[in-house]
Protein backbone atom coordinates (compact mmCIF):
# COMPACT_ATOMS: atom_id res chain seq x y z
CA MET A 1 -38.25 5.58 -2.61
CA LEU A 2 -34.66 4.35 -2.64
CA THR A 3 -35.89 0.76 -2.93
CA TRP A 4 -38.01 1.69 -5.93
CA LEU A 5 -35.06 3.44 -7.61
CA ALA A 6 -32.82 0.43 -7.00
CA ALA A 7 -35.45 -1.95 -8.37
CA ASN A 8 -35.96 0.15 -11.51
CA ALA A 9 -32.40 1.40 -12.09
CA ALA A 10 -31.92 -0.48 -15.36
CA THR A 11 -35.19 0.83 -16.79
CA ILE A 12 -34.37 4.38 -15.72
CA ILE A 13 -30.87 4.23 -17.26
CA ILE A 14 -32.09 2.73 -20.54
CA THR A 15 -34.90 5.29 -20.80
CA ALA A 16 -32.50 8.16 -20.12
CA ALA A 17 -30.07 6.86 -22.76
CA LEU A 18 -32.84 6.52 -25.34
CA LEU A 19 -34.07 10.05 -24.60
CA VAL A 20 -30.55 11.38 -25.14
CA VAL A 21 -30.22 9.51 -28.45
CA VAL A 22 -33.62 10.71 -29.69
CA GLY A 23 -32.77 14.25 -28.60
CA LEU A 24 -29.50 14.17 -30.54
CA ILE A 25 -31.26 12.83 -33.63
CA VAL A 26 -33.90 15.57 -33.48
CA ARG A 27 -31.20 18.20 -32.91
CA GLY A 28 -29.27 16.95 -35.93
CA MET A 29 -32.37 16.99 -38.09
CA LEU A 30 -33.22 20.54 -37.04
CA ARG A 31 -29.66 21.78 -37.56
CA GLY A 32 -29.57 20.16 -41.00
CA ARG A 33 -32.87 21.77 -41.90
CA ILE A 34 -31.64 25.20 -40.83
CA ARG A 35 -28.38 24.92 -42.80
CA THR A 36 -30.01 24.14 -46.13
CA CYS A 37 -33.11 25.41 -47.85
CA GLY A 38 -34.06 21.83 -48.67
CA ASP A 39 -35.27 22.23 -52.25
CA CYS A 40 -32.77 24.60 -53.87
CA GLY A 41 -34.11 23.68 -57.28
CA SER A 42 -37.33 25.55 -56.52
CA CYS A 43 -35.52 28.89 -56.60
CA GLY A 44 -33.79 28.09 -59.89
CA SER A 45 -30.40 28.46 -58.21
CA ALA A 46 -31.08 32.18 -57.90
CA CYS A 47 -31.36 32.11 -54.15
CA GLY A 48 -31.08 35.87 -53.58
CA GLY A 49 -34.69 36.02 -52.41
CA CYS A 50 -34.48 32.80 -50.43
CA ARG A 51 -34.20 33.22 -46.67
CA PHE A 52 -31.45 30.59 -46.80
CA SER A 53 -29.54 32.33 -49.59
CA GLY A 54 -26.07 31.75 -48.13
CA SER A 55 -26.58 28.12 -47.26
CA CYS A 56 -28.58 27.36 -50.40
CA GLN A 57 -25.70 28.41 -52.64
CA ALA A 58 -23.28 26.33 -50.57
CA HIS A 59 -25.70 23.42 -50.76
CA GLU A 60 -25.94 23.70 -54.55
CA ALA A 61 -22.13 23.84 -54.85
CA GLY A 62 -21.91 20.60 -52.86
CA ARG A 63 -24.23 18.85 -55.32
CA LYS A 64 -21.98 19.48 -58.33
């Protein structure tokens, strides 16, 4: 087993690094999706009924 790990160490390290990078990208995408409602124009900037009402208004303010 130790011989196999030594022979494949580079592949294991590169794979682990790529998994971390992909995980961080997915995490960032999900966090960005949660913070904004995405299409604030669909609520006519009256986001009171939107489940993202707080972040939608902040998002709209950032667009101006």
